[in-house]
Amino acid sequence: MTSITRLAAALSLVLASSAIAFAAERTATLEVENISCVTCAPIVKRTLARLPGVSRVAVVEGSGTATATVTFDAARTDVAALVQATANAGFPSRAVE
């Protein structure tokens, strides 16, 4: 195998791995309840950000609720785990479309 052939094979493997990783990224929106003070939204954000596979979290407060937009690796976590994490922190949530 020539060095060019090996380089091409290695590059193909890297590109295939990148495509698989990129394809697994998902975004979910959660409606979060019990947001009653200025510390609630940051707690929700920190709770979600600590989950394996979560890469981004944005939380926008509303009137007693918040909307959390979470980007995550679907191979490492799922929406059910996001909902469970907020519930465990005292902030029940549900996925919205």
Protein backbone atom coordinates (compact mmCIF):
# COMPACT_ATOMS: atom_id res chain seq x y z
CA MET A 1 0.00 0.00 0.00
CA THR A 2 1.49 3.33 -0.99
CA SER A 3 1.64 6.26 1.37
CA ILE A 4 -0.94 8.11 -0.72
CA THR A 5 -3.33 5.15 -0.51
CA ARG A 6 -2.84 4.94 3.26
CA LEU A 7 -3.41 8.69 3.60
CA ALA A 8 -6.59 8.46 1.52
CA ALA A 9 -7.85 5.55 3.64
CA ALA A 10 -7.11 7.42 6.87
CA LEU A 11 -8.81 10.57 5.60
CA SER A 12 -11.89 8.57 4.58
CA LEU A 13 -12.09 7.05 8.05
CA VAL A 14 -11.83 10.48 9.72
CA LEU A 15 -14.52 11.95 7.47
CA ALA A 16 -16.84 9.00 8.07
CA SER A 17 -16.38 9.30 11.83
CA SER A 18 -17.11 13.03 11.69
CA ALA A 19 -20.29 12.46 9.70
CA ILE A 20 -21.51 9.88 12.21
CA ALA A 21 -20.80 12.18 15.15
CA PHE A 22 -22.46 15.12 13.45
CA ALA A 23 -25.51 13.05 12.51
CA ALA A 24 -26.07 12.12 16.16
CA GLU A 25 -26.42 15.75 17.33
CA ARG A 26 -29.99 16.65 18.26
CA THR A 27 -31.76 19.65 19.75
CA ALA A 28 -34.70 19.38 22.13
CA THR A 29 -36.89 22.06 23.65
CA LEU A 30 -38.25 21.53 27.14
CA GLU A 31 -40.96 23.47 28.94
CA VAL A 32 -39.76 23.62 32.54
CA GLU A 33 -42.06 24.27 35.53
CA ASN A 34 -41.48 25.65 39.04
CA ILE A 35 -39.33 28.58 37.91
CA SER A 36 -40.04 30.90 40.82
CA CYS A 37 -36.85 32.87 41.51
CA VAL A 38 -33.73 34.23 39.85
CA THR A 39 -31.69 31.14 40.74
CA CYS A 40 -34.07 28.59 39.21
CA ALA A 41 -33.14 29.02 35.54
CA PRO A 42 -29.38 28.84 36.23
CA ILE A 43 -29.93 25.64 38.24
CA VAL A 44 -31.86 24.11 35.32
CA LYS A 45 -29.13 25.16 32.89
CA ARG A 46 -26.34 23.73 35.07
CA THR A 47 -28.29 20.50 35.66
CA LEU A 48 -28.77 19.90 31.94
CA ALA A 49 -25.22 20.95 31.01
CA ARG A 50 -23.78 18.29 33.33
CA LEU A 51 -25.40 15.41 31.47
CA PRO A 52 -23.09 13.33 29.28
CA GLY A 53 -23.35 14.35 25.63
CA VAL A 54 -24.94 17.78 26.23
CA SER A 55 -23.02 20.43 24.33
CA ARG A 56 -25.26 23.52 24.66
CA VAL A 57 -28.07 24.72 26.92
CA ALA A 58 -30.04 27.95 26.72
CA VAL A 59 -32.76 28.73 29.24
CA VAL A 60 -35.27 31.57 28.79
CA GLU A 61 -37.45 32.39 31.77
CA GLY A 62 -41.17 32.99 31.47
CA SER A 63 -43.88 33.54 34.04
CA GLY A 64 -43.39 30.58 36.39
CA THR A 65 -41.96 28.47 33.59
CA ALA A 66 -38.89 28.45 31.39
CA THR A 67 -37.99 27.15 27.97
CA ALA A 68 -34.77 25.16 27.80
CA THR A 69 -33.20 24.49 24.42
CA VAL A 70 -30.68 21.66 24.67
CA THR A 71 -28.24 20.42 22.03
CA PHE A 72 -26.94 16.93 22.73
CA ASP A 73 -25.33 13.84 21.27
CA ALA A 74 -28.14 11.33 20.76
CA ALA A 75 -25.66 8.47 21.11
CA ARG A 76 -24.89 9.54 24.68
CA THR A 77 -28.24 10.78 26.06
CA ASP A 78 -31.87 11.28 25.06
CA VAL A 79 -34.85 13.52 25.74
CA ALA A 80 -36.14 11.23 28.51
CA ALA A 81 -32.84 11.68 30.38
CA LEU A 82 -33.10 15.48 29.99
CA VAL A 83 -36.64 15.47 31.40
CA GLN A 84 -35.61 13.15 34.24
CA ALA A 85 -32.65 15.36 35.16
CA THR A 86 -34.78 18.49 35.50
CA ALA A 87 -37.39 16.57 37.52
CA ASN A 88 -34.69 15.25 39.84
CA ALA A 89 -33.57 18.84 40.42
CA GLY A 90 -37.12 19.85 41.37
CA PHE A 91 -38.16 21.31 38.03
CA PRO A 92 -40.58 19.02 36.17
CA SER A 93 -40.42 19.44 32.41
CA ARG A 94 -41.84 18.08 29.20
CA ALA A 95 -40.55 18.03 25.66
CA VAL A 96 -42.26 20.41 23.22
CA GLU A 97 -42.06 20.48 19.45
